[in-house]
Structure formats: structure tokens, C-alpha cells
Amino acid sequence: MSPSERRFGSSVRTAVSRTRAASALVVRRRDSLSVFALVTGLYLLTYLWAIGHLAPGLGGFDLLVVADPLGKLLRPELGPFSFTPVARVTLGPVTYLFSLNTLVGLGLAALVGLNLALTYLVWRQPAACGIGRSSTGLLAGVPALLSGTACCGPVVLLVVGVQASGVLLTGFQLLLPMAVLLLVGSLVLVGRQVTVEG
């Protein structure tokens, strides 16, 4: 292994280690944990509403599960990252459709929440967190805000009434993986600058 490859491997390990420590710091502090929980919850609800899996109900309480739910759980609905609902839960004024989309949304929501909670710490108390003055935490939070909504692109097209070609709709299948990569990248960008002193 060449010296440049060793340096690259060492810098990657350092960035991952610091990002892990920064994420643990978010969970240990009450203020950043509150930001994380609030953003994650709001993003998940917005995501489920945008894909049509959370909607106003007609009242009452009901649970309906499709036949062979385990067999249909992994079945794509409209694309590779959109899954068929296997259960409908009506809780008074709210109707919720359960599918793997909930887990996808929860993963995205957690990444967005972690990005913004860490950005909050960078902005609020840089010295207490061991974060240097040169931190780009606020700038790193911008991709999290922009990329987190990419998975709802087809819904946005339907809402604004734009007729998209098949090629454009195919391009939306790449937006979810790109959103995840941007969220993880922005998390590492902020996390690598954190030096948590224990």
C-alpha cells in the first residue's frame, strides 16, 4: 500500500470516528436531542403525508391487513424505493398506511434530524462541543434540507401539474440514493471537525 493510500485510509477512519463521537454528543445533550427528535418526527410525518401514506381519516378505529402481508411487504409499488402498503390503520381523524416506505422515511428523517442537531450544536455552542471556529456546520446543513425532499419528487410533479416524460420519472429513482449520500456526506463534513474531549 502506497503512502498516499495509507494517508487516505487514515483520514477516512478519523472522519468516521469523529462523526460517531459527534453523533454521540448530540444524543448526550438535552438541547440537541430535542432538536433531533423534533426534526426527525416532523420530517417523518411530512414524508408519509407527501407519499400519501398519512391522510385525514373518517373517524373511528380500524385495522385492515392485506392477505399475505409478508409476501407483499417487499413488492415495489411505483419504483424501486416505493413499496406497497400492507396495512391500513385508522385512528380517529388520521389514516395511516404501513409499508416499508415508513422505514425508508424514518431512515431519511433520522439523517436529516442528526444533521440539523449537529448543525445546531455547531451554531449554538462551538467551544463547549470542542468545535473549532472554522466549522462549516451551517453550510453542511443546507444539503440536508435540500436533499431530504428529493424522494418526494414525483409527488411534487403531480402537485404542480407538470407532465414529465418517462426519462424524467426514471431520473427520480436516483434522487433517493443521492439524497442519502448528500445527507451522510454533510454529516461527515460537520462530524470530522468535532473534537469531543472525554
N, C-alpha and C. Protein backbone atom coordinates (compact mmCIF):
# COMPACT_ATOMS: atom_id res chain seq x y z
N MET A 1 0.85 -1.18 0.00
CA MET A 1 0.00 0.00 0.00
C MET A 1 0.89 1.24 0.00
N SER A 2 0.58 2.17 -0.88
CA SER A 2 1.40 3.38 -1.01
C SER A 2 1.14 4.33 0.15
N PRO A 3 2.07 5.26 0.41
CA PRO A 3 1.87 6.23 1.50
C PRO A 3 0.62 7.07 1.31
N SER A 4 0.28 7.43 0.07
CA SER A 4 -0.93 8.24 -0.16
C SER A 4 -2.19 7.45 0.16
N GLU A 5 -2.19 6.15 -0.15
CA GLU A 5 -3.34 5.31 0.19
C GLU A 5 -3.48 5.16 1.70
N ARG A 6 -2.33 5.04 2.40
CA ARG A 6 -2.37 4.94 3.87
C ARG A 6 -2.89 6.24 4.47
N ARG A 7 -2.46 7.37 3.95
CA ARG A 7 -2.94 8.66 4.45
C ARG A 7 -4.43 8.81 4.21
N PHE A 8 -4.89 8.41 3.03
CA PHE A 8 -6.31 8.49 2.71
C PHE A 8 -7.12 7.61 3.66
N GLY A 9 -6.67 6.37 3.86
CA GLY A 9 -7.36 5.45 4.76
C GLY A 9 -7.40 5.98 6.19
N SER A 10 -6.31 6.58 6.62
CA SER A 10 -6.25 7.15 7.96
C SER A 10 -7.19 8.34 8.10
N SER A 11 -7.26 9.18 7.08
CA SER A 11 -8.16 10.35 7.15
C SER A 11 -9.62 9.92 7.12
N VAL A 12 -9.95 8.86 6.38
CA VAL A 12 -11.32 8.34 6.36
C VAL A 12 -11.69 7.78 7.73
N ARG A 13 -10.79 7.00 8.33
CA ARG A 13 -11.06 6.44 9.66
C ARG A 13 -11.23 7.55 10.70
N THR A 14 -10.40 8.60 10.60
CA THR A 14 -10.52 9.72 11.53
C THR A 14 -11.86 10.43 11.36
N ALA A 15 -12.26 10.67 10.10
CA ALA A 15 -13.53 11.34 9.84
C ALA A 15 -14.70 10.53 10.37
N VAL A 16 -14.69 9.22 10.15
CA VAL A 16 -15.77 8.36 10.62
C VAL A 16 -15.80 8.32 12.15
N SER A 17 -14.63 8.23 12.76
CA SER A 17 -14.55 8.20 14.22
C SER A 17 -15.07 9.50 14.83
N ARG A 18 -14.68 10.63 14.26
CA ARG A 18 -15.15 11.91 14.78
C ARG A 18 -16.64 12.11 14.54
N THR A 19 -17.14 11.61 13.43
CA THR A 19 -18.58 11.72 13.15
C THR A 19 -19.36 10.89 14.16
N ARG A 20 -18.85 9.70 14.49
CA ARG A 20 -19.50 8.87 15.51
C ARG A 20 -19.51 9.58 16.86
N ALA A 21 -18.38 10.19 17.23
CA ALA A 21 -18.30 10.90 18.50
C ALA A 21 -19.24 12.10 18.51
N ALA A 22 -19.32 12.81 17.38
CA ALA A 22 -20.22 13.96 17.29
C ALA A 22 -21.67 13.52 17.39
N SER A 23 -22.02 12.40 16.78
CA SER A 23 -23.39 11.88 16.86
C SER A 23 -23.73 11.49 18.29
N ALA A 24 -22.76 10.90 19.00
CA ALA A 24 -22.99 10.55 20.40
C ALA A 24 -23.18 11.80 21.25
N LEU A 25 -22.46 12.87 20.90
CA LEU A 25 -22.60 14.13 21.63
C LEU A 25 -24.01 14.71 21.45
N VAL A 26 -24.56 14.56 20.26
CA VAL A 26 -25.93 15.02 20.00
C VAL A 26 -26.91 14.33 20.94
N VAL A 27 -26.72 13.03 21.16
CA VAL A 27 -27.64 12.25 21.99
C VAL A 27 -27.45 12.57 23.47
N ARG A 28 -26.23 12.92 23.88
CA ARG A 28 -25.96 13.18 25.30
C ARG A 28 -26.47 14.54 25.77
N ARG A 29 -26.62 15.48 24.89
CA ARG A 29 -27.06 16.82 25.29
C ARG A 29 -28.57 16.95 25.09
N ARG A 30 -29.25 17.49 26.08
CA ARG A 30 -30.70 17.59 26.05
C ARG A 30 -31.19 18.50 24.92
N ASP A 31 -30.52 19.64 24.70
CA ASP A 31 -30.99 20.58 23.68
C ASP A 31 -30.85 20.01 22.27
N SER A 32 -29.70 19.40 21.98
CA SER A 32 -29.52 18.83 20.64
C SER A 32 -30.38 17.59 20.44
N LEU A 33 -30.61 16.82 21.51
CA LEU A 33 -31.50 15.66 21.41
C LEU A 33 -32.93 16.10 21.12
N SER A 34 -33.34 17.23 21.70
CA SER A 34 -34.67 17.77 21.42
C SER A 34 -34.79 18.19 19.96
N VAL A 35 -33.74 18.85 19.45
CA VAL A 35 -33.74 19.23 18.03
C VAL A 35 -33.83 17.99 17.15
N PHE A 36 -33.03 16.97 17.49
CA PHE A 36 -33.04 15.73 16.71
C PHE A 36 -34.43 15.09 16.70
N ALA A 37 -35.03 14.96 17.88
CA ALA A 37 -36.35 14.31 17.98
C ALA A 37 -37.42 15.10 17.23
N LEU A 38 -37.41 16.42 17.39
CA LEU A 38 -38.42 17.26 16.75
C LEU A 38 -38.30 17.20 15.22
N VAL A 39 -37.08 17.38 14.72
CA VAL A 39 -36.87 17.38 13.26
C VAL A 39 -37.17 16.00 12.68
N THR A 40 -36.73 14.95 13.35
CA THR A 40 -36.97 13.59 12.85
C THR A 40 -38.47 13.29 12.79
N GLY A 41 -39.19 13.64 13.85
CA GLY A 41 -40.63 13.39 13.87
C GLY A 41 -41.38 14.18 12.81
N LEU A 42 -41.06 15.48 12.70
CA LEU A 42 -41.74 16.31 11.70
C LEU A 42 -41.42 15.87 10.28
N TYR A 43 -40.16 15.51 10.04
CA TYR A 43 -39.78 15.08 8.70
C TYR A 43 -40.49 13.77 8.34
N LEU A 44 -40.56 12.82 9.29
CA LEU A 44 -41.22 11.55 9.00
C LEU A 44 -42.71 11.76 8.70
N LEU A 45 -43.38 12.60 9.49
CA LEU A 45 -44.80 12.88 9.23
C LEU A 45 -44.99 13.55 7.87
N THR A 46 -44.11 14.50 7.55
CA THR A 46 -44.20 15.18 6.25
C THR A 46 -43.95 14.21 5.10
N TYR A 47 -42.97 13.34 5.26
CA TYR A 47 -42.64 12.33 4.25
C TYR A 47 -43.84 11.42 4.00
N LEU A 48 -44.43 10.90 5.09
CA LEU A 48 -45.57 10.00 4.94
C LEU A 48 -46.77 10.71 4.32
N TRP A 49 -46.98 11.96 4.69
CA TRP A 49 -48.07 12.73 4.09
C TRP A 49 -47.81 12.97 2.60
N ALA A 50 -46.55 13.29 2.23
CA ALA A 50 -46.22 13.60 0.84
C ALA A 50 -46.40 12.39 -0.07
N ILE A 51 -46.12 11.19 0.44
CA ILE A 51 -46.28 10.00 -0.41
C ILE A 51 -47.69 9.40 -0.30
N GLY A 52 -48.56 10.03 0.48
CA GLY A 52 -49.94 9.59 0.58
C GLY A 52 -50.19 8.48 1.57
N HIS A 53 -49.26 8.23 2.49
CA HIS A 53 -49.44 7.17 3.47
C HIS A 53 -49.91 7.68 4.82
N LEU A 54 -50.17 8.97 4.90
CA LEU A 54 -50.76 9.57 6.09
C LEU A 54 -51.77 10.59 5.58
N ALA A 55 -53.02 10.40 5.95
CA ALA A 55 -54.07 11.25 5.40
C ALA A 55 -55.17 11.43 6.44
N PRO A 56 -56.03 12.42 6.23
CA PRO A 56 -57.18 12.56 7.14
C PRO A 56 -58.06 11.33 7.07
N GLY A 57 -58.57 10.92 8.22
CA GLY A 57 -59.44 9.76 8.28
C GLY A 57 -60.89 10.17 8.41
N LEU A 58 -61.75 9.18 8.46
CA LEU A 58 -63.18 9.42 8.56
C LEU A 58 -63.69 9.23 9.97
N GLY A 59 -62.80 9.05 10.91
CA GLY A 59 -63.21 8.82 12.29
C GLY A 59 -63.26 7.33 12.60
N GLY A 60 -63.34 7.03 13.86
CA GLY A 60 -63.40 5.64 14.29
C GLY A 60 -62.01 5.03 14.38
N PHE A 61 -62.01 3.74 14.70
CA PHE A 61 -60.77 3.00 14.84
C PHE A 61 -60.89 1.71 14.04
N ASP A 62 -59.87 1.44 13.22
CA ASP A 62 -59.94 0.27 12.35
C ASP A 62 -58.53 -0.18 11.99
N LEU A 63 -58.36 -1.47 11.79
CA LEU A 63 -57.11 -2.04 11.32
C LEU A 63 -57.44 -3.04 10.22
N LEU A 64 -56.86 -2.83 9.06
CA LEU A 64 -57.07 -3.71 7.92
C LEU A 64 -55.71 -4.16 7.41
N VAL A 65 -55.50 -5.47 7.37
CA VAL A 65 -54.23 -6.04 6.89
C VAL A 65 -54.54 -6.83 5.63
N VAL A 66 -53.70 -6.65 4.59
CA VAL A 66 -53.92 -7.35 3.33
C VAL A 66 -53.61 -8.84 3.50
N ALA A 67 -54.14 -9.65 2.58
CA ALA A 67 -53.82 -11.07 2.59
C ALA A 67 -52.35 -11.24 2.21
N ASP A 68 -51.64 -12.12 2.88
CA ASP A 68 -50.22 -12.38 2.66
C ASP A 68 -49.38 -11.11 2.80
N PRO A 69 -49.41 -10.47 3.97
CA PRO A 69 -48.67 -9.21 4.13
C PRO A 69 -47.16 -9.36 3.98
N LEU A 70 -46.60 -10.48 4.46
CA LEU A 70 -45.15 -10.66 4.34
C LEU A 70 -44.72 -10.82 2.88
N GLY A 71 -45.54 -11.46 2.09
CA GLY A 71 -45.22 -11.62 0.68
C GLY A 71 -45.29 -10.32 -0.10
N LYS A 72 -46.19 -9.43 0.33
CA LYS A 72 -46.37 -8.16 -0.38
C LYS A 72 -45.52 -7.03 0.20
N LEU A 73 -44.88 -7.25 1.35
CA LEU A 73 -44.13 -6.20 2.03
C LEU A 73 -42.98 -5.65 1.19
N LEU A 74 -42.29 -6.51 0.47
CA LEU A 74 -41.13 -6.10 -0.33
C LEU A 74 -41.49 -5.78 -1.78
N ARG A 75 -42.77 -5.84 -2.13
CA ARG A 75 -43.18 -5.60 -3.51
C ARG A 75 -43.15 -4.11 -3.82
N PRO A 76 -42.38 -3.71 -4.84
CA PRO A 76 -42.36 -2.29 -5.23
C PRO A 76 -43.72 -1.86 -5.77
N GLU A 77 -44.07 -0.60 -5.48
CA GLU A 77 -45.36 -0.08 -5.94
C GLU A 77 -45.19 0.71 -7.23
N LEU A 78 -44.41 1.79 -7.18
CA LEU A 78 -44.23 2.65 -8.35
C LEU A 78 -42.79 2.68 -8.83
N GLY A 79 -41.86 2.23 -8.03
CA GLY A 79 -40.45 2.28 -8.37
C GLY A 79 -39.66 1.48 -7.36
N PRO A 80 -38.32 1.52 -7.46
CA PRO A 80 -37.51 0.69 -6.58
C PRO A 80 -37.54 1.10 -5.11
N PHE A 81 -37.90 2.34 -4.80
CA PHE A 81 -37.91 2.80 -3.42
C PHE A 81 -39.31 3.21 -2.95
N SER A 82 -40.32 2.63 -3.56
CA SER A 82 -41.70 2.89 -3.18
C SER A 82 -42.39 1.54 -3.03
N PHE A 83 -42.85 1.24 -1.83
CA PHE A 83 -43.37 -0.09 -1.53
C PHE A 83 -44.88 -0.10 -1.32
N THR A 84 -45.48 -1.25 -1.56
CA THR A 84 -46.92 -1.44 -1.45
C THR A 84 -47.33 -1.47 0.02
N PRO A 85 -48.36 -0.70 0.39
CA PRO A 85 -48.87 -0.77 1.77
C PRO A 85 -49.46 -2.15 2.06
N VAL A 86 -49.21 -2.63 3.28
CA VAL A 86 -49.74 -3.93 3.68
C VAL A 86 -50.75 -3.83 4.81
N ALA A 87 -50.89 -2.63 5.38
CA ALA A 87 -51.87 -2.46 6.46
C ALA A 87 -52.37 -1.02 6.45
N ARG A 88 -53.65 -0.89 6.83
CA ARG A 88 -54.24 0.44 6.99
C ARG A 88 -54.74 0.57 8.42
N VAL A 89 -54.28 1.62 9.09
CA VAL A 89 -54.67 1.86 10.47
C VAL A 89 -55.44 3.18 10.50
N THR A 90 -56.66 3.14 10.99
CA THR A 90 -57.46 4.35 11.15
C THR A 90 -57.55 4.66 12.63
N LEU A 91 -57.06 5.82 13.02
CA LEU A 91 -57.10 6.26 14.41
C LEU A 91 -57.81 7.59 14.46
N GLY A 92 -59.11 7.57 14.56
CA GLY A 92 -59.89 8.80 14.62
C GLY A 92 -59.73 9.63 13.36
N PRO A 93 -59.15 10.82 13.48
CA PRO A 93 -59.06 11.71 12.33
C PRO A 93 -57.89 11.41 11.39
N VAL A 94 -57.13 10.35 11.64
CA VAL A 94 -55.93 10.07 10.84
C VAL A 94 -55.99 8.64 10.30
N THR A 95 -55.61 8.49 9.02
CA THR A 95 -55.46 7.17 8.41
C THR A 95 -54.00 7.02 8.00
N TYR A 96 -53.42 5.89 8.42
CA TYR A 96 -52.00 5.62 8.15
C TYR A 96 -51.88 4.31 7.40
N LEU A 97 -51.08 4.31 6.33
CA LEU A 97 -50.80 3.10 5.56
C LEU A 97 -49.40 2.62 5.90
N PHE A 98 -49.28 1.38 6.38
CA PHE A 98 -47.96 0.85 6.74
C PHE A 98 -47.35 0.12 5.57
N SER A 99 -46.08 0.43 5.29
CA SER A 99 -45.28 -0.28 4.29
C SER A 99 -43.83 -0.05 4.65
N LEU A 100 -42.94 -0.57 3.83
CA LEU A 100 -41.51 -0.32 4.05
C LEU A 100 -41.16 1.15 3.80
N ASN A 101 -42.08 1.89 3.17
CA ASN A 101 -41.86 3.33 2.99
C ASN A 101 -41.69 4.03 4.34
N THR A 102 -42.33 3.51 5.38
CA THR A 102 -42.18 4.10 6.71
C THR A 102 -40.75 3.97 7.20
N LEU A 103 -40.13 2.81 6.97
CA LEU A 103 -38.74 2.62 7.39
C LEU A 103 -37.78 3.46 6.55
N VAL A 104 -38.05 3.58 5.25
CA VAL A 104 -37.23 4.45 4.39
C VAL A 104 -37.34 5.89 4.88
N GLY A 105 -38.57 6.33 5.15
CA GLY A 105 -38.78 7.69 5.65
C GLY A 105 -38.14 7.91 7.00
N LEU A 106 -38.19 6.89 7.88
CA LEU A 106 -37.56 7.02 9.19
C LEU A 106 -36.05 7.14 9.07
N GLY A 107 -35.45 6.39 8.16
CA GLY A 107 -34.01 6.50 7.93
C GLY A 107 -33.62 7.88 7.44
N LEU A 108 -34.37 8.39 6.45
CA LEU A 108 -34.11 9.74 5.95
C LEU A 108 -34.34 10.78 7.05
N ALA A 109 -35.41 10.61 7.80
CA ALA A 109 -35.73 11.57 8.86
C ALA A 109 -34.64 11.59 9.92
N ALA A 110 -34.10 10.41 10.27
CA ALA A 110 -33.03 10.35 11.26
C ALA A 110 -31.77 11.05 10.75
N LEU A 111 -31.45 10.87 9.46
CA LEU A 111 -30.28 11.55 8.89
C LEU A 111 -30.47 13.07 8.89
N VAL A 112 -31.65 13.51 8.49
CA VAL A 112 -31.93 14.95 8.49
C VAL A 112 -31.89 15.49 9.92
N GLY A 113 -32.50 14.75 10.87
CA GLY A 113 -32.50 15.18 12.26
C GLY A 113 -31.10 15.25 12.85
N LEU A 114 -30.27 14.26 12.55
CA LEU A 114 -28.90 14.24 13.06
C LEU A 114 -28.08 15.37 12.46
N ASN A 115 -28.25 15.62 11.16
CA ASN A 115 -27.56 16.73 10.51
C ASN A 115 -27.93 18.06 11.18
N LEU A 116 -29.21 18.29 11.36
CA LEU A 116 -29.63 19.57 11.90
C LEU A 116 -29.32 19.70 13.39
N ALA A 117 -29.36 18.59 14.14
CA ALA A 117 -28.99 18.64 15.56
C ALA A 117 -27.51 18.95 15.72
N LEU A 118 -26.68 18.35 14.90
CA LEU A 118 -25.24 18.63 14.96
C LEU A 118 -24.95 20.06 14.49
N THR A 119 -25.66 20.49 13.46
CA THR A 119 -25.51 21.87 13.00
C THR A 119 -25.95 22.84 14.09
N TYR A 120 -26.99 22.49 14.82
CA TYR A 120 -27.44 23.32 15.94
C TYR A 120 -26.33 23.44 16.98
N LEU A 121 -25.68 22.32 17.31
CA LEU A 121 -24.59 22.37 18.29
C LEU A 121 -23.43 23.23 17.80
N VAL A 122 -23.10 23.10 16.54
CA VAL A 122 -22.02 23.90 15.96
C VAL A 122 -22.36 25.38 16.07
N TRP A 123 -23.60 25.72 15.79
CA TRP A 123 -24.03 27.13 15.80
C TRP A 123 -24.18 27.66 17.23
N ARG A 124 -24.74 26.82 18.11
CA ARG A 124 -25.10 27.30 19.45
C ARG A 124 -23.93 27.38 20.41
N GLN A 125 -23.14 26.32 20.47
CA GLN A 125 -22.05 26.29 21.46
C GLN A 125 -20.81 25.64 20.88
N PRO A 126 -20.12 26.30 19.97
CA PRO A 126 -18.95 25.69 19.35
C PRO A 126 -17.83 25.37 20.33
N ALA A 127 -17.60 26.23 21.32
CA ALA A 127 -16.49 26.00 22.25
C ALA A 127 -16.80 24.83 23.18
N ALA A 128 -18.04 24.73 23.66
CA ALA A 128 -18.41 23.66 24.58
C ALA A 128 -18.36 22.29 23.91
N CYS A 129 -18.52 22.24 22.61
CA CYS A 129 -18.53 20.97 21.90
C CYS A 129 -17.16 20.59 21.38
N GLY A 130 -16.17 21.46 21.57
CA GLY A 130 -14.85 21.18 21.04
C GLY A 130 -14.77 21.39 19.54
N ILE A 131 -15.61 22.25 19.02
CA ILE A 131 -15.65 22.50 17.58
C ILE A 131 -14.94 23.81 17.30
N GLY A 132 -14.04 23.78 16.36
CA GLY A 132 -13.25 24.96 16.05
C GLY A 132 -14.04 26.06 15.39
N ARG A 133 -13.45 27.23 15.34
CA ARG A 133 -14.10 28.39 14.74
C ARG A 133 -14.29 28.23 13.24
N SER A 134 -13.50 27.37 12.60
CA SER A 134 -13.57 27.23 11.15
C SER A 134 -14.64 26.25 10.70
N SER A 135 -15.50 25.83 11.61
CA SER A 135 -16.51 24.83 11.27
C SER A 135 -17.48 25.34 10.21
N THR A 136 -17.86 24.45 9.33
CA THR A 136 -18.82 24.79 8.27
C THR A 136 -20.17 24.13 8.54
N GLY A 137 -20.51 23.98 9.79
CA GLY A 137 -21.72 23.25 10.17
C GLY A 137 -22.99 23.79 9.56
N LEU A 138 -23.17 25.10 9.57
CA LEU A 138 -24.39 25.67 9.00
C LEU A 138 -24.45 25.41 7.50
N LEU A 139 -23.32 25.54 6.82
CA LEU A 139 -23.30 25.28 5.38
C LEU A 139 -23.55 23.80 5.10
N ALA A 140 -23.05 22.93 5.97
CA ALA A 140 -23.26 21.50 5.77
C ALA A 140 -24.72 21.11 5.99
N GLY A 141 -25.46 21.90 6.76
CA GLY A 141 -26.86 21.61 6.99
C GLY A 141 -27.74 21.91 5.79
N VAL A 142 -27.26 22.77 4.88
CA VAL A 142 -28.05 23.14 3.71
C VAL A 142 -28.33 21.94 2.81
N PRO A 143 -27.32 21.09 2.47
CA PRO A 143 -27.65 19.91 1.66
C PRO A 143 -28.67 19.01 2.33
N ALA A 144 -28.64 18.93 3.65
CA ALA A 144 -29.62 18.09 4.36
C ALA A 144 -31.03 18.60 4.12
N LEU A 145 -31.18 19.91 4.15
CA LEU A 145 -32.51 20.48 3.93
C LEU A 145 -32.96 20.30 2.49
N LEU A 146 -32.03 20.50 1.55
CA LEU A 146 -32.39 20.42 0.13
C LEU A 146 -32.56 18.98 -0.34
N SER A 147 -31.66 18.09 0.08
CA SER A 147 -31.70 16.73 -0.44
C SER A 147 -32.75 15.88 0.21
N GLY A 148 -33.16 16.21 1.41
CA GLY A 148 -34.13 15.39 2.13
C GLY A 148 -35.48 15.32 1.47
N THR A 149 -35.82 16.29 0.64
CA THR A 149 -37.12 16.28 -0.02
C THR A 149 -37.07 15.64 -1.41
N ALA A 150 -35.90 15.17 -1.83
CA ALA A 150 -35.76 14.64 -3.18
C ALA A 150 -36.61 13.40 -3.42
N CYS A 151 -36.85 12.62 -2.39
CA CYS A 151 -37.59 11.38 -2.57
C CYS A 151 -39.06 11.63 -2.93
N CYS A 152 -39.51 12.82 -2.72
CA CYS A 152 -40.91 13.13 -2.99
C CYS A 152 -41.08 13.83 -4.34
N GLY A 153 -40.10 13.74 -5.19
CA GLY A 153 -40.12 14.42 -6.48
C GLY A 153 -41.34 14.13 -7.34
N PRO A 154 -41.70 12.84 -7.52
CA PRO A 154 -42.89 12.56 -8.33
C PRO A 154 -44.15 13.18 -7.77
N VAL A 155 -44.26 13.23 -6.45
CA VAL A 155 -45.43 13.85 -5.82
C VAL A 155 -45.46 15.34 -6.15
N VAL A 156 -44.28 15.98 -6.10
CA VAL A 156 -44.19 17.40 -6.42
C VAL A 156 -44.63 17.65 -7.86
N LEU A 157 -44.20 16.78 -8.78
CA LEU A 157 -44.60 16.94 -10.18
C LEU A 157 -46.13 16.84 -10.32
N LEU A 158 -46.73 15.90 -9.60
CA LEU A 158 -48.18 15.76 -9.68
C LEU A 158 -48.89 16.97 -9.10
N VAL A 159 -48.35 17.51 -8.01
CA VAL A 159 -48.99 18.65 -7.35
C VAL A 159 -48.97 19.88 -8.24
N VAL A 160 -47.81 20.16 -8.87
CA VAL A 160 -47.72 21.36 -9.70
C VAL A 160 -48.27 21.14 -11.10
N GLY A 161 -48.62 19.91 -11.45
CA GLY A 161 -49.25 19.65 -12.73
C GLY A 161 -48.30 19.57 -13.91
N VAL A 162 -47.04 19.35 -13.67
CA VAL A 162 -46.08 19.24 -14.77
C VAL A 162 -46.16 17.85 -15.37
N GLN A 163 -46.26 17.79 -16.70
CA GLN A 163 -46.25 16.49 -17.35
C GLN A 163 -44.80 16.12 -17.62
N ALA A 164 -44.36 15.05 -17.00
CA ALA A 164 -42.96 14.64 -17.12
C ALA A 164 -42.85 13.46 -18.07
N SER A 165 -41.77 13.43 -18.78
CA SER A 165 -41.53 12.30 -19.68
C SER A 165 -41.08 11.10 -18.86
N GLY A 166 -41.06 9.94 -19.49
CA GLY A 166 -40.61 8.72 -18.81
C GLY A 166 -39.17 8.82 -18.36
N VAL A 167 -38.36 9.53 -19.13
CA VAL A 167 -36.95 9.69 -18.76
C VAL A 167 -36.82 10.49 -17.48
N LEU A 168 -37.61 11.55 -17.34
CA LEU A 168 -37.56 12.37 -16.13
C LEU A 168 -38.03 11.59 -14.92
N LEU A 169 -39.08 10.81 -15.08
CA LEU A 169 -39.57 9.99 -13.97
C LEU A 169 -38.55 8.93 -13.58
N THR A 170 -37.84 8.38 -14.57
CA THR A 170 -36.79 7.42 -14.27
C THR A 170 -35.68 8.08 -13.46
N GLY A 171 -35.40 9.35 -13.76
CA GLY A 171 -34.38 10.08 -13.02
C GLY A 171 -34.73 10.25 -11.55
N PHE A 172 -36.02 10.30 -11.23
CA PHE A 172 -36.42 10.43 -9.83
C PHE A 172 -36.04 9.22 -9.00
N GLN A 173 -35.86 8.05 -9.64
CA GLN A 173 -35.46 6.87 -8.90
C GLN A 173 -34.07 7.03 -8.31
N LEU A 174 -33.26 7.89 -8.91
CA LEU A 174 -31.91 8.13 -8.42
C LEU A 174 -31.87 9.18 -7.32
N LEU A 175 -32.92 9.94 -7.14
CA LEU A 175 -32.90 11.03 -6.17
C LEU A 175 -32.84 10.54 -4.74
N LEU A 176 -33.49 9.44 -4.42
CA LEU A 176 -33.45 8.94 -3.05
C LEU A 176 -32.03 8.50 -2.66
N PRO A 177 -31.34 7.68 -3.46
CA PRO A 177 -29.96 7.36 -3.10
C PRO A 177 -29.06 8.59 -3.06
N MET A 178 -29.29 9.54 -3.97
CA MET A 178 -28.49 10.76 -3.95
C MET A 178 -28.76 11.57 -2.69
N ALA A 179 -30.01 11.60 -2.24
CA ALA A 179 -30.34 12.32 -1.00
C ALA A 179 -29.63 11.69 0.19
N VAL A 180 -29.62 10.36 0.24
CA VAL A 180 -28.94 9.67 1.34
C VAL A 180 -27.44 9.98 1.31
N LEU A 181 -26.83 9.93 0.13
CA LEU A 181 -25.40 10.23 0.02
C LEU A 181 -25.09 11.66 0.44
N LEU A 182 -25.93 12.61 0.04
CA LEU A 182 -25.71 14.00 0.44
C LEU A 182 -25.87 14.19 1.95
N LEU A 183 -26.85 13.51 2.53
CA LEU A 183 -27.06 13.62 3.97
C LEU A 183 -25.90 13.02 4.76
N VAL A 184 -25.43 11.86 4.33
CA VAL A 184 -24.28 11.23 5.01
C VAL A 184 -23.03 12.08 4.80
N GLY A 185 -22.85 12.59 3.58
CA GLY A 185 -21.69 13.45 3.30
C GLY A 185 -21.68 14.71 4.14
N SER A 186 -22.84 15.35 4.28
CA SER A 186 -22.88 16.57 5.09
C SER A 186 -22.68 16.25 6.56
N LEU A 187 -23.14 15.08 7.00
CA LEU A 187 -22.92 14.66 8.39
C LEU A 187 -21.43 14.46 8.67
N VAL A 188 -20.74 13.81 7.74
CA VAL A 188 -19.29 13.60 7.90
C VAL A 188 -18.55 14.93 7.81
N LEU A 189 -19.01 15.82 6.94
CA LEU A 189 -18.37 17.13 6.80
C LEU A 189 -18.36 17.90 8.11
N VAL A 190 -19.46 17.86 8.84
CA VAL A 190 -19.51 18.52 10.13
C VAL A 190 -18.82 17.67 11.19
N GLY A 191 -19.12 16.38 11.20
CA GLY A 191 -18.62 15.50 12.25
C GLY A 191 -17.12 15.39 12.29
N ARG A 192 -16.45 15.48 11.16
CA ARG A 192 -15.00 15.33 11.16
C ARG A 192 -14.29 16.50 11.81
N GLN A 193 -14.99 17.61 11.99
CA GLN A 193 -14.38 18.78 12.60
C GLN A 193 -14.58 18.80 14.11
N VAL A 194 -15.35 17.85 14.62
CA VAL A 194 -15.65 17.84 16.04
C VAL A 194 -14.55 17.08 16.78
N THR A 195 -14.03 17.68 17.83
CA THR A 195 -13.09 17.00 18.70
C THR A 195 -13.72 16.96 20.09
N VAL A 196 -14.34 15.82 20.39
CA VAL A 196 -15.01 15.66 21.67
C VAL A 196 -13.97 15.25 22.69
N GLU A 197 -13.84 16.04 23.72
CA GLU A 197 -12.85 15.74 24.75
C GLU A 197 -13.53 14.97 25.85
N GLY A 198 -13.05 13.81 26.14
CA GLY A 198 -13.67 12.99 27.16
C GLY A 198 -12.78 12.91 28.30
